[in-house]
Structures are given as C-alpha cells and as structure tokens.
C-alpha cells in the first residue's frame, strides 16, 4: 500500500464520505489535499504510514537489536515508500540499508536537539 492508499484509508476512518468518490470527484481531491495542510491531519497520515511500515517489516525489526537501525530503516522506507516504482512491495531482507534521509532522521532521533524540541 502506498501513501495515497494510506491517506484514503485514514480519510475513510476519519470522515463519513467515501474517499473512493474523491478519486472521481476533483472537488473532494482538493479537500483531501487541503486537509493535508492541517498539521493534525498530516500527522495522522504520517503516523498511519509509519504504523504500516512497522507492521510490514516487523519480522526484520524483531531481529534487529539496535533502535538506531530500526529508526533509520523506518525513515528510509517512509521516504521511499513501501512500493517500488514497478509496483512491487519492498519486502524485509537482512541486507536493508538506510538512504540519506534515513541517516539524517536517525541522527536527529538520537540527538539532544530532538530532546530539546520535545521539552518545549
């Protein structure tokens, strides 16, 4: 499932109207995009997508003994998406490596900068 599918599922859970209609109705597409500009909605989508990543890659994450490894892989998968450009799923494998986004996210996660940000 890609980010758009996660957004549609989140929209279906959060709102009474069906998101499938939004695909056929440009006005509803605009409404979805507009709601993404709202921080709370954007965070819901991001949280749902991260939860999907954690569930899909759970077998590998259980084998990893480093929180840092999990953080950089989740961030990498978040930036790349769970689907490859050809439509195939990115499946857990023991040679998974972070991309530059994953490395930066992991560094930030482990930094005092994050702690300071959350303390405010």
C-alpha atoms as a PDB file:
ATOM      1  CA  UNK A   1       0.000   0.000   0.000  1.00  0.00           C
ATOM      2  CA  UNK A   2       1.375   3.417  -0.935  1.00  0.00           C
ATOM      3  CA  UNK A   3       0.984   6.762   0.833  1.00  0.00           C
ATOM      4  CA  UNK A   4      -2.087   7.693  -1.212  1.00  0.00           C
ATOM      5  CA  UNK A   5      -3.765   4.445  -0.190  1.00  0.00           C
ATOM      6  CA  UNK A   6      -2.914   5.139   3.454  1.00  0.00           C
ATOM      7  CA  UNK A   7      -4.401   8.615   3.109  1.00  0.00           C
ATOM      8  CA  UNK A   8      -7.566   7.143   1.581  1.00  0.00           C
ATOM      9  CA  UNK A   9      -7.875   4.599   4.416  1.00  0.00           C
ATOM     10  CA  UNK A  10      -7.298   7.289   7.041  1.00  0.00           C
ATOM     11  CA  UNK A  11      -9.850   9.527   5.338  1.00  0.00           C
ATOM     12  CA  UNK A  12     -12.355   6.656   5.271  1.00  0.00           C
ATOM     13  CA  UNK A  13     -11.890   6.149   9.001  1.00  0.00           C
ATOM     14  CA  UNK A  14     -11.988   9.842   9.866  1.00  0.00           C
ATOM     15  CA  UNK A  15     -14.749  11.125   7.611  1.00  0.00           C
ATOM     16  CA  UNK A  16     -18.218   9.908   6.710  1.00  0.00           C
ATOM     17  CA  UNK A  17     -17.894  10.199   2.931  1.00  0.00           C
ATOM     18  CA  UNK A  18     -16.035   7.589   0.926  1.00  0.00           C
ATOM     19  CA  UNK A  19     -12.600   8.586  -0.333  1.00  0.00           C
ATOM     20  CA  UNK A  20     -13.068   6.483  -3.458  1.00  0.00           C
ATOM     21  CA  UNK A  21     -15.526   9.176  -4.503  1.00  0.00           C
ATOM     22  CA  UNK A  22     -12.716  11.699  -4.176  1.00  0.00           C
ATOM     23  CA  UNK A  23     -10.833   9.936  -6.947  1.00  0.00           C
ATOM     24  CA  UNK A  24     -13.791  10.534  -9.257  1.00  0.00           C
ATOM     25  CA  UNK A  25     -14.627  13.980  -7.909  1.00  0.00           C
ATOM     26  CA  UNK A  26     -11.855  16.615  -8.191  1.00  0.00           C
ATOM     27  CA  UNK A  27     -13.503  18.822  -5.546  1.00  0.00           C
ATOM     28  CA  UNK A  28     -13.068  16.066  -2.965  1.00  0.00           C
ATOM     29  CA  UNK A  29      -9.469  15.514  -4.106  1.00  0.00           C
ATOM     30  CA  UNK A  30      -8.851  19.174  -3.386  1.00  0.00           C
ATOM     31  CA  UNK A  31     -10.451  18.726   0.035  1.00  0.00           C
ATOM     32  CA  UNK A  32      -8.016  15.901   0.852  1.00  0.00           C
ATOM     33  CA  UNK A  33      -5.044  17.990  -0.271  1.00  0.00           C
ATOM     34  CA  UNK A  34      -6.331  20.965   1.729  1.00  0.00           C
ATOM     35  CA  UNK A  35      -6.624  18.821   4.854  1.00  0.00           C
ATOM     36  CA  UNK A  36      -3.038  17.673   4.403  1.00  0.00           C
ATOM     37  CA  UNK A  37      -2.059  21.281   5.028  1.00  0.00           C
ATOM     38  CA  UNK A  38      -3.578  20.919   8.501  1.00  0.00           C
ATOM     39  CA  UNK A  39      -0.822  19.746  10.877  1.00  0.00           C
ATOM     40  CA  UNK A  40      -3.074  17.379  12.849  1.00  0.00           C
ATOM     41  CA  UNK A  41      -4.333  15.603   9.726  1.00  0.00           C
ATOM     42  CA  UNK A  42      -0.866  15.442   8.227  1.00  0.00           C
ATOM     43  CA  UNK A  43       0.401  13.854  11.449  1.00  0.00           C
ATOM     44  CA  UNK A  44      -2.405  11.272  11.345  1.00  0.00           C
ATOM     45  CA  UNK A  45      -1.408  10.275   7.822  1.00  0.00           C
ATOM     46  CA  UNK A  46       2.268  10.084   8.748  1.00  0.00           C
ATOM     47  CA  UNK A  47       1.500   8.034  11.860  1.00  0.00           C
ATOM     48  CA  UNK A  48      -0.677   5.634   9.872  1.00  0.00           C
ATOM     49  CA  UNK A  49       2.047   5.193   7.273  1.00  0.00           C
ATOM     50  CA  UNK A  50       4.756   4.603   9.888  1.00  0.00           C
ATOM     51  CA  UNK A  51       2.474   2.051  11.576  1.00  0.00           C
ATOM     52  CA  UNK A  52       2.120   0.250   8.242  1.00  0.00           C
ATOM     53  CA  UNK A  53       5.896   0.198   7.792  1.00  0.00           C
ATOM     54  CA  UNK A  54       6.400  -1.167  11.303  1.00  0.00           C
ATOM     55  CA  UNK A  55       3.835  -3.914  10.697  1.00  0.00           C
ATOM     56  CA  UNK A  56       5.119  -4.866   7.236  1.00  0.00           C
ATOM     57  CA  UNK A  57       8.759  -5.050   8.341  1.00  0.00           C
ATOM     58  CA  UNK A  58       8.092  -6.399  11.842  1.00  0.00           C
ATOM     59  CA  UNK A  59       9.883  -9.732  11.227  1.00  0.00           C
ATOM     60  CA  UNK A  60      13.152  -7.939  10.430  1.00  0.00           C
ATOM     61  CA  UNK A  61      12.763  -5.352  13.187  1.00  0.00           C
ATOM     62  CA  UNK A  62      12.393  -8.144  15.746  1.00  0.00           C
ATOM     63  CA  UNK A  63      15.835  -9.406  14.702  1.00  0.00           C
ATOM     64  CA  UNK A  64      17.498  -6.009  14.954  1.00  0.00           C
ATOM     65  CA  UNK A  65      18.981  -5.269  18.344  1.00  0.00           C
ATOM     66  CA  UNK A  66      19.673  -1.613  17.671  1.00  0.00           C
ATOM     67  CA  UNK A  67      16.995   1.044  17.995  1.00  0.00           C
ATOM     68  CA  UNK A  68      19.099   3.176  15.666  1.00  0.00           C
ATOM     69  CA  UNK A  69      18.855   0.505  12.937  1.00  0.00           C
ATOM     70  CA  UNK A  70      15.085   0.437  13.225  1.00  0.00           C
ATOM     71  CA  UNK A  71      14.857   4.237  13.117  1.00  0.00           C
ATOM     72  CA  UNK A  72      16.984   4.592  10.004  1.00  0.00           C
ATOM     73  CA  UNK A  73      15.136   1.799   8.201  1.00  0.00           C
ATOM     74  CA  UNK A  74      11.680   3.178   9.071  1.00  0.00           C
ATOM     75  CA  UNK A  75      12.762   6.650   7.923  1.00  0.00           C
ATOM     76  CA  UNK A  76      14.249   5.193   4.731  1.00  0.00           C
ATOM     77  CA  UNK A  77      11.078   3.252   3.958  1.00  0.00           C
ATOM     78  CA  UNK A  78       8.971   6.317   4.750  1.00  0.00           C
ATOM     79  CA  UNK A  79      10.914   8.360   2.228  1.00  0.00           C
ATOM     80  CA  UNK A  80      10.972   5.637  -0.449  1.00  0.00           C
ATOM     81  CA  UNK A  81       7.509   4.193   0.093  1.00  0.00           C
ATOM     82  CA  UNK A  82       6.547   0.585   0.671  1.00  0.00           C
ATOM     83  CA  UNK A  83       6.065   0.107  -3.075  1.00  0.00           C
ATOM     84  CA  UNK A  84       8.816   0.242  -5.655  1.00  0.00           C
ATOM     85  CA  UNK A  85       8.276   2.256  -8.850  1.00  0.00           C
ATOM     86  CA  UNK A  86       7.343  -1.001 -10.635  1.00  0.00           C
ATOM     87  CA  UNK A  87       4.534  -1.596  -8.100  1.00  0.00           C
ATOM     88  CA  UNK A  88       6.204  -4.456  -6.234  1.00  0.00           C
ATOM     89  CA  UNK A  89       6.412  -4.297  -2.446  1.00  0.00           C
ATOM     90  CA  UNK A  90       9.615  -3.574  -0.594  1.00  0.00           C
ATOM     91  CA  UNK A  91       9.927  -6.731   1.484  1.00  0.00           C
ATOM     92  CA  UNK A  92      12.028  -7.182   4.626  1.00  0.00           C
ATOM     93  CA  UNK A  93      15.503  -8.519   3.913  1.00  0.00           C
ATOM     94  CA  UNK A  94      18.665  -8.838   6.017  1.00  0.00           C
ATOM     95  CA  UNK A  95      20.725  -6.503   3.789  1.00  0.00           C
ATOM     96  CA  UNK A  96      18.471  -3.465   4.220  1.00  0.00           C
ATOM     97  CA  UNK A  97      20.474  -0.232   4.333  1.00  0.00           C
ATOM     98  CA  UNK A  98      19.473   3.361   5.031  1.00  0.00           C
ATOM     99  CA  UNK A  99      19.335   6.094   2.431  1.00  0.00           C
ATOM    100  CA  UNK A 100      20.466   9.640   3.193  1.00  0.00           C
ATOM    101  CA  UNK A 101      17.047  10.560   4.651  1.00  0.00           C
ATOM    102  CA  UNK A 102      17.192   7.554   6.973  1.00  0.00           C
ATOM    103  CA  UNK A 103      20.658   8.507   8.161  1.00  0.00           C
ATOM    104  CA  UNK A 104      19.678  12.120   8.870  1.00  0.00           C
ATOM    105  CA  UNK A 105      16.459  11.040  10.627  1.00  0.00           C
ATOM    106  CA  UNK A 106      18.385   8.567  12.778  1.00  0.00           C
ATOM    107  CA  UNK A 107      20.967  11.192  13.694  1.00  0.00           C
ATOM    108  CA  UNK A 108      18.211  13.641  14.642  1.00  0.00           C
ATOM    109  CA  UNK A 109      16.353  10.947  16.605  1.00  0.00           C
ATOM    110  CA  UNK A 110      19.456  10.248  18.672  1.00  0.00           C
ATOM    111  CA  UNK A 111      20.418  13.874  19.137  1.00  0.00           C
ATOM    112  CA  UNK A 112      19.832  16.225  22.019  1.00  0.00           C
ATOM    113  CA  UNK A 113      18.156  18.511  19.501  1.00  0.00           C
ATOM    114  CA  UNK A 114      15.131  16.169  19.480  1.00  0.00           C
ATOM    115  CA  UNK A 115      15.014  16.071  23.258  1.00  0.00           C
ATOM    116  CA  UNK A 116      15.166  19.849  23.411  1.00  0.00           C
ATOM    117  CA  UNK A 117      12.396  20.117  20.825  1.00  0.00           C
ATOM    118  CA  UNK A 118      10.116  17.771  22.759  1.00  0.00           C
ATOM    119  CA  UNK A 119      10.835  19.511  26.074  1.00  0.00           C
ATOM    120  CA  UNK A 120       9.343  22.780  24.827  1.00  0.00           C
END
